Every structure is written in structure tokens, then in C-alpha cells.
Amino acid sequence: MELIVKEEKKGKLEFELKGSSHTVCNILKKELWKDKHTKVAGYSIKHPLVGEPEFVVETDGEDPRKAVSSACQKLKKEFDKFSESIKKEVK
């Protein structure tokens, strides 16, 4: 997965998430909405076969990069817990 910044202003970040799917984009979007500083979080894929997800994140003035980074860190912790519980059950 590769993140390519398309536009960045105070409180707004637009980026492309190459190599990603709706699954990853939806959970990232939902996690971003949990941040109290997030005012807009969404993505679109212009073509279902060859399009790449394009995200828009707007905040109330806080750094949107920080919001995205924080959301990713929280998701990583959740997936690590999930992975551990799966490993315990599969033994």
C-alpha cells in the first residue's frame, strides 16, 4: 500500500491510497470519524476495476496527518489483538 498526497492545506488532506481496497478504506474512514477533530472523512474510487481510492480528511484546524496516523495506530492495535485471539483459538 502506498499513500500519495494530492493536496494539503491547513486542516485538509487529500491523498490516494494505492493498492488498497474498500475493506481497508472503510475501516480507516470509520476510525477517522471517531476522532473529535475530524469534520470530514471519506473516500471515492472513480473506476471499480482500475481506480485507486482517493481520501479527503478535514479537521477543525488540527493536523489531518496526525488524525490519519493516529487512526492507523489504533487500527493496528485492534488487529494485533484480533490476531492474538485467533492464534489462541486455532491451537
N, C-alpha and C. Protein backbone atom coordinates (compact mmCIF):
# COMPACT_ATOMS: atom_id res chain seq x y z
N MET A 1 0.83 -1.16 0.00
CA MET A 1 0.00 0.00 0.00
C MET A 1 0.89 1.24 0.00
N GLU A 2 0.52 2.22 -0.78
CA GLU A 2 1.30 3.45 -0.88
C GLU A 2 0.38 4.65 -0.73
N LEU A 3 0.76 5.60 0.10
CA LEU A 3 -0.02 6.81 0.31
C LEU A 3 0.63 7.94 -0.48
N ILE A 4 -0.14 8.56 -1.37
CA ILE A 4 0.37 9.66 -2.19
C ILE A 4 -0.47 10.90 -1.89
N VAL A 5 0.17 11.92 -1.35
CA VAL A 5 -0.53 13.16 -1.01
C VAL A 5 -0.84 13.92 -2.29
N LYS A 6 -2.12 14.27 -2.47
CA LYS A 6 -2.57 15.02 -3.65
C LYS A 6 -2.64 16.51 -3.34
N GLU A 7 -3.15 16.82 -2.12
CA GLU A 7 -3.30 18.22 -1.72
C GLU A 7 -3.25 18.29 -0.21
N GLU A 8 -2.59 19.34 0.27
CA GLU A 8 -2.51 19.51 1.72
C GLU A 8 -2.59 20.99 2.05
N LYS A 9 -3.54 21.33 2.91
CA LYS A 9 -3.71 22.70 3.41
C LYS A 9 -3.94 22.58 4.91
N LYS A 10 -4.01 23.72 5.56
CA LYS A 10 -4.29 23.71 6.99
C LYS A 10 -5.65 23.07 7.22
N GLY A 11 -5.66 21.98 7.94
CA GLY A 11 -6.91 21.31 8.28
C GLY A 11 -7.49 20.42 7.20
N LYS A 12 -6.77 20.24 6.09
CA LYS A 12 -7.30 19.40 5.00
C LYS A 12 -6.18 18.60 4.36
N LEU A 13 -6.47 17.33 4.11
CA LEU A 13 -5.52 16.44 3.45
C LEU A 13 -6.27 15.58 2.45
N GLU A 14 -5.79 15.58 1.21
CA GLU A 14 -6.32 14.69 0.18
C GLU A 14 -5.18 13.78 -0.24
N PHE A 15 -5.47 12.47 -0.25
CA PHE A 15 -4.43 11.52 -0.63
C PHE A 15 -5.03 10.32 -1.34
N GLU A 16 -4.17 9.67 -2.10
CA GLU A 16 -4.53 8.44 -2.82
C GLU A 16 -3.91 7.29 -2.03
N LEU A 17 -4.66 6.21 -1.91
CA LEU A 17 -4.18 5.04 -1.18
C LEU A 17 -4.02 3.89 -2.17
N LYS A 18 -2.89 3.89 -2.90
CA LYS A 18 -2.66 2.90 -3.94
C LYS A 18 -2.56 1.49 -3.37
N GLY A 19 -3.18 0.56 -4.05
CA GLY A 19 -3.10 -0.84 -3.64
C GLY A 19 -4.05 -1.21 -2.52
N SER A 20 -4.99 -0.33 -2.23
CA SER A 20 -5.92 -0.58 -1.14
C SER A 20 -7.28 -1.00 -1.68
N SER A 21 -8.12 -1.52 -0.79
CA SER A 21 -9.46 -1.97 -1.17
C SER A 21 -10.50 -1.25 -0.34
N HIS A 22 -11.76 -1.48 -0.68
CA HIS A 22 -12.85 -0.91 0.10
C HIS A 22 -12.77 -1.33 1.57
N THR A 23 -12.31 -2.53 1.82
CA THR A 23 -12.24 -3.03 3.19
C THR A 23 -11.35 -2.13 4.05
N VAL A 24 -10.15 -1.88 3.60
CA VAL A 24 -9.22 -1.03 4.35
C VAL A 24 -9.73 0.40 4.41
N CYS A 25 -10.24 0.90 3.31
CA CYS A 25 -10.72 2.28 3.27
C CYS A 25 -11.90 2.50 4.22
N ASN A 26 -12.82 1.55 4.26
CA ASN A 26 -13.98 1.70 5.15
C ASN A 26 -13.57 1.71 6.61
N ILE A 27 -12.68 0.83 7.01
CA ILE A 27 -12.30 0.81 8.43
C ILE A 27 -11.48 2.05 8.79
N LEU A 28 -10.66 2.55 7.86
CA LEU A 28 -9.91 3.77 8.12
C LEU A 28 -10.87 4.95 8.24
N LYS A 29 -11.83 5.02 7.35
CA LYS A 29 -12.82 6.11 7.39
C LYS A 29 -13.58 6.08 8.72
N LYS A 30 -14.03 4.91 9.14
CA LYS A 30 -14.77 4.80 10.39
C LYS A 30 -13.92 5.19 11.59
N GLU A 31 -12.65 4.81 11.58
CA GLU A 31 -11.76 5.17 12.68
C GLU A 31 -11.50 6.68 12.70
N LEU A 32 -11.36 7.27 11.52
CA LEU A 32 -11.17 8.72 11.46
C LEU A 32 -12.36 9.47 12.04
N TRP A 33 -13.57 8.95 11.82
CA TRP A 33 -14.77 9.61 12.34
C TRP A 33 -14.83 9.57 13.86
N LYS A 34 -14.08 8.69 14.49
CA LYS A 34 -14.06 8.64 15.95
C LYS A 34 -13.22 9.77 16.56
N ASP A 35 -12.38 10.39 15.75
CA ASP A 35 -11.53 11.49 16.22
C ASP A 35 -12.39 12.75 16.35
N LYS A 36 -12.33 13.38 17.52
CA LYS A 36 -13.19 14.54 17.79
C LYS A 36 -12.83 15.75 16.92
N HIS A 37 -11.65 15.78 16.34
CA HIS A 37 -11.24 16.89 15.49
C HIS A 37 -11.62 16.69 14.02
N THR A 38 -12.04 15.48 13.65
CA THR A 38 -12.38 15.19 12.26
C THR A 38 -13.75 15.77 11.92
N LYS A 39 -13.78 16.55 10.85
CA LYS A 39 -15.04 17.13 10.37
C LYS A 39 -15.51 16.44 9.09
N VAL A 40 -14.58 15.95 8.29
CA VAL A 40 -14.89 15.23 7.05
C VAL A 40 -13.90 14.09 6.92
N ALA A 41 -14.40 12.91 6.60
CA ALA A 41 -13.55 11.76 6.30
C ALA A 41 -14.30 10.88 5.32
N GLY A 42 -13.77 10.76 4.14
CA GLY A 42 -14.43 9.93 3.13
C GLY A 42 -13.46 9.59 2.01
N TYR A 43 -13.91 8.71 1.16
CA TYR A 43 -13.08 8.31 0.02
C TYR A 43 -13.98 7.97 -1.15
N SER A 44 -13.38 7.95 -2.32
CA SER A 44 -14.08 7.50 -3.52
C SER A 44 -13.10 6.73 -4.39
N ILE A 45 -13.68 5.84 -5.19
CA ILE A 45 -12.91 5.10 -6.19
C ILE A 45 -13.61 5.36 -7.51
N LYS A 46 -12.94 6.10 -8.39
CA LYS A 46 -13.60 6.57 -9.62
C LYS A 46 -13.94 5.47 -10.61
N HIS A 47 -13.14 4.42 -10.64
CA HIS A 47 -13.43 3.31 -11.55
C HIS A 47 -13.26 2.01 -10.76
N PRO A 48 -14.27 1.14 -10.77
CA PRO A 48 -14.23 -0.06 -9.93
C PRO A 48 -13.13 -1.06 -10.29
N LEU A 49 -12.65 -1.05 -11.50
CA LEU A 49 -11.63 -2.02 -11.90
C LEU A 49 -10.21 -1.46 -11.85
N VAL A 50 -10.05 -0.21 -12.20
CA VAL A 50 -8.69 0.33 -12.28
C VAL A 50 -8.47 1.56 -11.41
N GLY A 51 -9.50 2.02 -10.72
CA GLY A 51 -9.37 3.22 -9.90
C GLY A 51 -8.69 2.94 -8.57
N GLU A 52 -8.05 3.96 -8.04
CA GLU A 52 -7.41 3.89 -6.73
C GLU A 52 -8.23 4.75 -5.76
N PRO A 53 -8.33 4.33 -4.50
CA PRO A 53 -9.09 5.11 -3.52
C PRO A 53 -8.46 6.48 -3.30
N GLU A 54 -9.31 7.50 -3.29
CA GLU A 54 -8.87 8.87 -3.01
C GLU A 54 -9.60 9.34 -1.77
N PHE A 55 -8.84 9.69 -0.75
CA PHE A 55 -9.37 10.10 0.55
C PHE A 55 -9.37 11.61 0.68
N VAL A 56 -10.35 12.12 1.44
CA VAL A 56 -10.36 13.51 1.87
C VAL A 56 -10.57 13.48 3.38
N VAL A 57 -9.69 14.17 4.10
CA VAL A 57 -9.81 14.29 5.55
C VAL A 57 -9.73 15.77 5.89
N GLU A 58 -10.75 16.27 6.57
CA GLU A 58 -10.75 17.65 7.04
C GLU A 58 -10.94 17.65 8.54
N THR A 59 -10.21 18.56 9.19
CA THR A 59 -10.30 18.67 10.64
C THR A 59 -10.72 20.09 11.02
N ASP A 60 -10.89 20.28 12.30
CA ASP A 60 -11.26 21.61 12.81
C ASP A 60 -10.06 22.53 12.96
N GLY A 61 -8.98 22.24 12.28
CA GLY A 61 -7.76 23.02 12.36
C GLY A 61 -6.58 22.20 12.84
N GLU A 62 -6.86 21.07 13.44
CA GLU A 62 -5.78 20.17 13.86
C GLU A 62 -5.14 19.56 12.62
N ASP A 63 -3.93 19.04 12.79
CA ASP A 63 -3.18 18.45 11.68
C ASP A 63 -3.87 17.17 11.19
N PRO A 64 -4.36 17.15 9.95
CA PRO A 64 -5.03 15.95 9.44
C PRO A 64 -4.08 14.75 9.31
N ARG A 65 -2.79 15.00 9.10
CA ARG A 65 -1.83 13.89 9.06
C ARG A 65 -1.80 13.18 10.41
N LYS A 66 -1.88 13.97 11.47
CA LYS A 66 -1.88 13.40 12.81
C LYS A 66 -3.13 12.53 13.01
N ALA A 67 -4.27 12.98 12.50
CA ALA A 67 -5.51 12.21 12.62
C ALA A 67 -5.39 10.88 11.88
N VAL A 68 -4.83 10.91 10.68
CA VAL A 68 -4.68 9.69 9.88
C VAL A 68 -3.69 8.74 10.57
N SER A 69 -2.59 9.29 11.04
CA SER A 69 -1.59 8.47 11.72
C SER A 69 -2.16 7.83 12.98
N SER A 70 -2.89 8.61 13.76
CA SER A 70 -3.49 8.10 14.99
C SER A 70 -4.51 7.00 14.69
N ALA A 71 -5.33 7.20 13.66
CA ALA A 71 -6.32 6.20 13.27
C ALA A 71 -5.62 4.90 12.86
N CYS A 72 -4.55 5.00 12.11
CA CYS A 72 -3.81 3.81 11.68
C CYS A 72 -3.20 3.07 12.86
N GLN A 73 -2.67 3.82 13.82
CA GLN A 73 -2.08 3.19 15.01
C GLN A 73 -3.15 2.46 15.82
N LYS A 74 -4.32 3.06 15.97
CA LYS A 74 -5.41 2.41 16.71
C LYS A 74 -5.87 1.14 16.00
N LEU A 75 -5.97 1.21 14.68
CA LEU A 75 -6.39 0.03 13.92
C LEU A 75 -5.35 -1.08 14.03
N LYS A 76 -4.08 -0.72 14.02
CA LYS A 76 -3.03 -1.73 14.16
C LYS A 76 -3.15 -2.44 15.51
N LYS A 77 -3.41 -1.69 16.57
CA LYS A 77 -3.58 -2.30 17.89
C LYS A 77 -4.77 -3.26 17.90
N GLU A 78 -5.88 -2.85 17.27
CA GLU A 78 -7.05 -3.72 17.21
C GLU A 78 -6.76 -5.00 16.44
N PHE A 79 -6.06 -4.87 15.31
CA PHE A 79 -5.74 -6.05 14.51
C PHE A 79 -4.77 -6.97 15.22
N ASP A 80 -3.83 -6.38 15.97
CA ASP A 80 -2.90 -7.20 16.74
C ASP A 80 -3.65 -8.02 17.79
N LYS A 81 -4.60 -7.39 18.48
CA LYS A 81 -5.41 -8.11 19.48
C LYS A 81 -6.22 -9.22 18.80
N PHE A 82 -6.82 -8.89 17.67
CA PHE A 82 -7.61 -9.86 16.92
C PHE A 82 -6.76 -11.04 16.49
N SER A 83 -5.56 -10.74 15.98
CA SER A 83 -4.64 -11.79 15.54
C SER A 83 -4.26 -12.71 16.69
N GLU A 84 -3.98 -12.13 17.85
CA GLU A 84 -3.62 -12.94 19.03
C GLU A 84 -4.77 -13.84 19.46
N SER A 85 -5.98 -13.32 19.46
CA SER A 85 -7.11 -14.14 19.88
C SER A 85 -7.38 -15.27 18.88
N ILE A 86 -7.17 -15.01 17.60
CA ILE A 86 -7.31 -16.06 16.59
C ILE A 86 -6.25 -17.14 16.79
N LYS A 87 -5.01 -16.73 17.05
CA LYS A 87 -3.93 -17.69 17.26
C LYS A 87 -4.23 -18.58 18.47
N LYS A 88 -4.77 -18.01 19.53
CA LYS A 88 -5.11 -18.80 20.73
C LYS A 88 -6.18 -19.82 20.42
N GLU A 89 -7.16 -19.44 19.65
CA GLU A 89 -8.28 -20.33 19.35
C GLU A 89 -7.92 -21.43 18.37
N VAL A 90 -7.00 -21.16 17.48
CA VAL A 90 -6.63 -22.12 16.43
C VAL A 90 -5.73 -23.23 16.96
N LYS A 91 -5.02 -23.01 18.05
CA LYS A 91 -4.10 -24.01 18.59
C LYS A 91 -4.75 -25.30 18.89
